[in-house]
Amino acid sequence: MAQRLGERHGAHATLILSADATDAVRREVADLGLGLLQKPVRPLALKSTLDRLCAMRAH
């Protein structure tokens, strides 16, 4: 899905939020070069991750 969105709207930093904590999901997300947070997501972890993604895009 992230690839289709990128094709349609251009490349953007993408963060996957998932309740599926299997190694298969972790590997797939890593292979795609995307960020991953496991649900339930703590607000501070989400803010920190989003801050890092925004900082990387700014450079």
PDB file of N, CA and C in Angstrom:
ATOM      1  N   MET A   1       0.809  -1.184   0.000  1.00  0.00           N
ATOM      2  CA  MET A   1       0.000   0.000   0.000  1.00  0.00           C
ATOM      3  C   MET A   1       0.861   1.260   0.000  1.00  0.00           C
ATOM      4  N   ALA A   2       1.943   1.256   0.779  1.00  0.00           N
ATOM      5  CA  ALA A   2       2.817   2.432   0.825  1.00  0.00           C
ATOM      6  C   ALA A   2       3.391   2.722  -0.551  1.00  0.00           C
ATOM      7  N   GLN A   3       3.708   1.681  -1.301  1.00  0.00           N
ATOM      8  CA  GLN A   3       4.256   1.868  -2.643  1.00  0.00           C
ATOM      9  C   GLN A   3       3.217   2.510  -3.560  1.00  0.00           C
ATOM     10  N   ARG A   4       1.981   2.043  -3.491  1.00  0.00           N
ATOM     11  CA  ARG A   4       0.923   2.627  -4.331  1.00  0.00           C
ATOM     12  C   ARG A   4       0.691   4.084  -3.979  1.00  0.00           C
ATOM     13  N   LEU A   5       0.693   4.402  -2.687  1.00  0.00           N
ATOM     14  CA  LEU A   5       0.516   5.794  -2.281  1.00  0.00           C
ATOM     15  C   LEU A   5       1.676   6.643  -2.783  1.00  0.00           C
ATOM     16  N   GLY A   6       2.902   6.107  -2.699  1.00  0.00           N
ATOM     17  CA  GLY A   6       4.073   6.832  -3.187  1.00  0.00           C
ATOM     18  C   GLY A   6       4.007   7.089  -4.678  1.00  0.00           C
ATOM     19  N   GLU A   7       3.533   6.106  -5.424  1.00  0.00           N
ATOM     20  CA  GLU A   7       3.394   6.278  -6.871  1.00  0.00           C
ATOM     21  C   GLU A   7       2.364   7.358  -7.203  1.00  0.00           C
ATOM     22  N   ARG A   8       1.344   7.420  -6.401  1.00  0.00           N
ATOM     23  CA  ARG A   8       0.258   8.376  -6.663  1.00  0.00           C
ATOM     24  C   ARG A   8       0.577   9.785  -6.166  1.00  0.00           C
ATOM     25  N   HIS A   9       1.214   9.888  -4.998  1.00  0.00           N
ATOM     26  CA  HIS A   9       1.399  11.187  -4.350  1.00  0.00           C
ATOM     27  C   HIS A   9       2.855  11.603  -4.185  1.00  0.00           C
ATOM     28  N   GLY A  10       3.783  10.787  -4.625  1.00  0.00           N
ATOM     29  CA  GLY A  10       5.193  11.087  -4.434  1.00  0.00           C
ATOM     30  C   GLY A  10       5.713  10.455  -3.153  1.00  0.00           C
ATOM     31  N   ALA A  11       7.024  10.373  -3.068  1.00  0.00           N
ATOM     32  CA  ALA A  11       7.658   9.724  -1.914  1.00  0.00           C
ATOM     33  C   ALA A  11       7.461  10.552  -0.642  1.00  0.00           C
ATOM     34  N   HIS A  12       7.070   9.883   0.417  1.00  0.00           N
ATOM     35  CA  HIS A  12       6.904  10.496   1.737  1.00  0.00           C
ATOM     36  C   HIS A  12       7.429   9.532   2.782  1.00  0.00           C
ATOM     37  N   ALA A  13       7.844  10.070   3.897  1.00  0.00           N
ATOM     38  CA  ALA A  13       8.220   9.208   5.017  1.00  0.00           C
ATOM     39  C   ALA A  13       6.973   8.434   5.435  1.00  0.00           C
ATOM     40  N   THR A  14       7.149   7.150   5.683  1.00  0.00           N
ATOM     41  CA  THR A  14       6.011   6.303   6.017  1.00  0.00           C
ATOM     42  C   THR A  14       6.288   5.557   7.305  1.00  0.00           C
ATOM     43  N   LEU A  15       5.305   5.559   8.176  1.00  0.00           N
ATOM     44  CA  LEU A  15       5.395   4.866   9.453  1.00  0.00           C
ATOM     45  C   LEU A  15       4.231   3.894   9.543  1.00  0.00           C
ATOM     46  N   ILE A  16       4.533   2.625   9.768  1.00  0.00           N
ATOM     47  CA  ILE A  16       3.520   1.593   9.897  1.00  0.00           C
ATOM     48  C   ILE A  16       3.215   1.408  11.385  1.00  0.00           C
ATOM     49  N   LEU A  17       1.940   1.435  11.734  1.00  0.00           N
ATOM     50  CA  LEU A  17       1.475   1.128  13.090  1.00  0.00           C
ATOM     51  C   LEU A  17       0.762  -0.206  12.989  1.00  0.00           C
ATOM     52  N   SER A  18       1.223  -1.207  13.744  1.00  0.00           N
ATOM     53  CA  SER A  18       0.658  -2.543  13.604  1.00  0.00           C
ATOM     54  C   SER A  18       0.517  -3.233  14.952  1.00  0.00           C
ATOM     55  N   ALA A  19      -0.553  -3.988  15.085  1.00  0.00           N
ATOM     56  CA  ALA A  19      -0.737  -4.833  16.258  1.00  0.00           C
ATOM     57  C   ALA A  19      -0.146  -6.217  16.024  1.00  0.00           C
ATOM     58  N   ASP A  20       0.288  -6.490  14.797  1.00  0.00           N
ATOM     59  CA  ASP A  20       0.887  -7.775  14.447  1.00  0.00           C
ATOM     60  C   ASP A  20       2.376  -7.711  14.768  1.00  0.00           C
ATOM     61  N   ALA A  21       2.790  -8.411  15.810  1.00  0.00           N
ATOM     62  CA  ALA A  21       4.175  -8.341  16.278  1.00  0.00           C
ATOM     63  C   ALA A  21       5.024  -9.496  15.772  1.00  0.00           C
ATOM     64  N   THR A  22       4.600 -10.140  14.703  1.00  0.00           N
ATOM     65  CA  THR A  22       5.365 -11.280  14.196  1.00  0.00           C
ATOM     66  C   THR A  22       6.645 -10.830  13.505  1.00  0.00           C
ATOM     67  N   ASP A  23       7.614 -11.749  13.466  1.00  0.00           N
ATOM     68  CA  ASP A  23       8.878 -11.460  12.777  1.00  0.00           C
ATOM     69  C   ASP A  23       8.648 -11.208  11.296  1.00  0.00           C
ATOM     70  N   ALA A  24       7.661 -11.871  10.713  1.00  0.00           N
ATOM     71  CA  ALA A  24       7.379 -11.700   9.286  1.00  0.00           C
ATOM     72  C   ALA A  24       7.008 -10.255   8.986  1.00  0.00           C
ATOM     73  N   VAL A  25       6.185  -9.657   9.826  1.00  0.00           N
ATOM     74  CA  VAL A  25       5.789  -8.257   9.620  1.00  0.00           C
ATOM     75  C   VAL A  25       6.990  -7.348   9.814  1.00  0.00           C
ATOM     76  N   ARG A  26       7.759  -7.590  10.842  1.00  0.00           N
ATOM     77  CA  ARG A  26       8.957  -6.767  11.080  1.00  0.00           C
ATOM     78  C   ARG A  26       9.907  -6.823   9.899  1.00  0.00           C
ATOM     79  N   ARG A  27      10.140  -8.034   9.373  1.00  0.00           N
ATOM     80  CA  ARG A  27      11.038  -8.188   8.221  1.00  0.00           C
ATOM     81  C   ARG A  27      10.492  -7.480   6.989  1.00  0.00           C
ATOM     82  N   GLU A  28       9.198  -7.648   6.727  1.00  0.00           N
ATOM     83  CA  GLU A  28       8.611  -7.030   5.537  1.00  0.00           C
ATOM     84  C   GLU A  28       8.713  -5.511   5.610  1.00  0.00           C
ATOM     85  N   VAL A  29       8.403  -4.942   6.756  1.00  0.00           N
ATOM     86  CA  VAL A  29       8.478  -3.494   6.920  1.00  0.00           C
ATOM     87  C   VAL A  29       9.928  -3.026   6.770  1.00  0.00           C
ATOM     88  N   ALA A  30      10.859  -3.750   7.369  1.00  0.00           N
ATOM     89  CA  ALA A  30      12.276  -3.390   7.254  1.00  0.00           C
ATOM     90  C   ALA A  30      12.753  -3.513   5.810  1.00  0.00           C
ATOM     91  N   ASP A  31      12.339  -4.565   5.113  1.00  0.00           N
ATOM     92  CA  ASP A  31      12.728  -4.749   3.715  1.00  0.00           C
ATOM     93  C   ASP A  31      12.223  -3.616   2.840  1.00  0.00           C
ATOM     94  N   LEU A  32      11.080  -3.047   3.198  1.00  0.00           N
ATOM     95  CA  LEU A  32      10.515  -1.928   2.446  1.00  0.00           C
ATOM     96  C   LEU A  32      11.137  -0.595   2.847  1.00  0.00           C
ATOM     97  N   GLY A  33      11.967  -0.611   3.901  1.00  0.00           N
ATOM     98  CA  GLY A  33      12.616   0.615   4.359  1.00  0.00           C
ATOM     99  C   GLY A  33      11.674   1.561   5.082  1.00  0.00           C
ATOM    100  N   LEU A  34      10.638   1.005   5.708  1.00  0.00           N
ATOM    101  CA  LEU A  34       9.647   1.824   6.405  1.00  0.00           C
ATOM    102  C   LEU A  34       9.854   1.737   7.903  1.00  0.00           C
ATOM    103  N   GLY A  35       9.296   2.710   8.619  1.00  0.00           N
ATOM    104  CA  GLY A  35       9.333   2.687  10.070  1.00  0.00           C
ATOM    105  C   GLY A  35       8.186   1.853  10.606  1.00  0.00           C
ATOM    106  N   LEU A  36       8.353   1.288  11.804  1.00  0.00           N
ATOM    107  CA  LEU A  36       7.331   0.436  12.419  1.00  0.00           C
ATOM    108  C   LEU A  36       7.226   0.735  13.896  1.00  0.00           C
ATOM    109  N   LEU A  37       5.997   0.929  14.347  1.00  0.00           N
ATOM    110  CA  LEU A  37       5.689   0.986  15.778  1.00  0.00           C
ATOM    111  C   LEU A  37       4.625  -0.059  16.050  1.00  0.00           C
ATOM    112  N   GLN A  38       4.794  -0.786  17.160  1.00  0.00           N
ATOM    113  CA  GLN A  38       3.831  -1.796  17.555  1.00  0.00           C
ATOM    114  C   GLN A  38       2.721  -1.175  18.395  1.00  0.00           C
ATOM    115  N   LYS A  39       1.499  -1.585  18.124  1.00  0.00           N
ATOM    116  CA  LYS A  39       0.360  -1.149  18.928  1.00  0.00           C
ATOM    117  C   LYS A  39       0.329  -1.967  20.206  1.00  0.00           C
ATOM    118  N   PRO A  40      -0.136  -1.441  21.313  1.00  0.00           N
ATOM    119  CA  PRO A  40      -0.587  -0.053  21.455  1.00  0.00           C
ATOM    120  C   PRO A  40       0.606   0.896  21.431  1.00  0.00           C
ATOM    121  N   VAL A  41       0.426   2.006  20.766  1.00  0.00           N
ATOM    122  CA  VAL A  41       1.492   2.988  20.592  1.00  0.00           C
ATOM    123  C   VAL A  41       1.440   3.991  21.741  1.00  0.00           C
ATOM    124  N   ARG A  42       2.577   4.165  22.387  1.00  0.00           N
ATOM    125  CA  ARG A  42       2.665   5.182  23.435  1.00  0.00           C
ATOM    126  C   ARG A  42       2.807   6.546  22.766  1.00  0.00           C
ATOM    127  N   PRO A  43       2.085   7.546  23.245  1.00  0.00           N
ATOM    128  CA  PRO A  43       2.135   8.871  22.610  1.00  0.00           C
ATOM    129  C   PRO A  43       3.551   9.436  22.482  1.00  0.00           C
ATOM    130  N   LEU A  44       4.376   9.263  23.487  1.00  0.00           N
ATOM    131  CA  LEU A  44       5.740   9.801  23.428  1.00  0.00           C
ATOM    132  C   LEU A  44       6.571   9.078  22.363  1.00  0.00           C
ATOM    133  N   ALA A  45       6.381   7.771  22.232  1.00  0.00           N
ATOM    134  CA  ALA A  45       7.101   7.020  21.195  1.00  0.00           C
ATOM    135  C   ALA A  45       6.671   7.485  19.809  1.00  0.00           C
ATOM    136  N   LEU A  46       5.387   7.734  19.632  1.00  0.00           N
ATOM    137  CA  LEU A  46       4.893   8.214  18.349  1.00  0.00           C
ATOM    138  C   LEU A  46       5.458   9.591  18.036  1.00  0.00           C
ATOM    139  N   LYS A  47       5.422  10.488  19.009  1.00  0.00           N
ATOM    140  CA  LYS A  47       5.942  11.840  18.810  1.00  0.00           C
ATOM    141  C   LYS A  47       7.430  11.799  18.474  1.00  0.00           C
ATOM    142  N   SER A  48       8.181  11.011  19.202  1.00  0.00           N
ATOM    143  CA  SER A  48       9.619  10.902  18.964  1.00  0.00           C
ATOM    144  C   SER A  48       9.915  10.375  17.564  1.00  0.00           C
ATOM    145  N   THR A  49       9.193   9.350  17.165  1.00  0.00           N
ATOM    146  CA  THR A  49       9.401   8.765  15.839  1.00  0.00           C
ATOM    147  C   THR A  49       9.023   9.760  14.747  1.00  0.00           C
ATOM    148  N   LEU A  50       7.905  10.436  14.901  1.00  0.00           N
ATOM    149  CA  LEU A  50       7.487  11.427  13.909  1.00  0.00           C
ATOM    150  C   LEU A  50       8.468  12.592  13.846  1.00  0.00           C
ATOM    151  N   ASP A  51       8.988  13.014  14.987  1.00  0.00           N
ATOM    152  CA  ASP A  51       9.994  14.081  15.006  1.00  0.00           C
ATOM    153  C   ASP A  51      11.239  13.668  14.215  1.00  0.00           C
ATOM    154  N   ARG A  52      11.694  12.408  14.402  1.00  0.00           N
ATOM    155  CA  ARG A  52      12.864  11.916  13.664  1.00  0.00           C
ATOM    156  C   ARG A  52      12.583  11.868  12.168  1.00  0.00           C
ATOM    157  N   LEU A  53      11.393  11.385  11.779  1.00  0.00           N
ATOM    158  CA  LEU A  53      11.053  11.320  10.364  1.00  0.00           C
ATOM    159  C   LEU A  53      11.030  12.720   9.740  1.00  0.00           C
ATOM    160  N   CYS A  54      10.455  13.679  10.444  1.00  0.00           N
ATOM    161  CA  CYS A  54      10.397  15.051   9.936  1.00  0.00           C
ATOM    162  C   CYS A  54      11.793  15.655   9.834  1.00  0.00           C
ATOM    163  N   ALA A  55      12.648  15.379  10.817  1.00  0.00           N
ATOM    164  CA  ALA A  55      14.014  15.905  10.794  1.00  0.00           C
ATOM    165  C   ALA A  55      14.799  15.309   9.628  1.00  0.00           C
ATOM    166  N   MET A  56      14.592  14.032   9.334  1.00  0.00           N
ATOM    167  CA  MET A  56      15.288  13.395   8.218  1.00  0.00           C
ATOM    168  C   MET A  56      14.834  13.991   6.897  1.00  0.00           C
ATOM    169  N   ARG A  57      13.585  14.316   6.771  1.00  0.00           N
ATOM    170  CA  ARG A  57      13.060  14.911   5.537  1.00  0.00           C
ATOM    171  C   ARG A  57      13.565  16.333   5.332  1.00  0.00           C
ATOM    172  N   ALA A  58      13.847  17.027   6.438  1.00  0.00           N
ATOM    173  CA  ALA A  58      14.287  18.417   6.351  1.00  0.00           C
ATOM    174  C   ALA A  58      15.723  18.523   5.821  1.00  0.00           C
ATOM    175  N   HIS A  59      16.488  17.443   5.924  1.00  0.00           N
ATOM    176  CA  HIS A  59      17.908  17.490   5.490  1.00  0.00           C
ATOM    177  C   HIS A  59      18.055  17.027   4.107  1.00  0.00           C
TER     178      HIS A  59
END
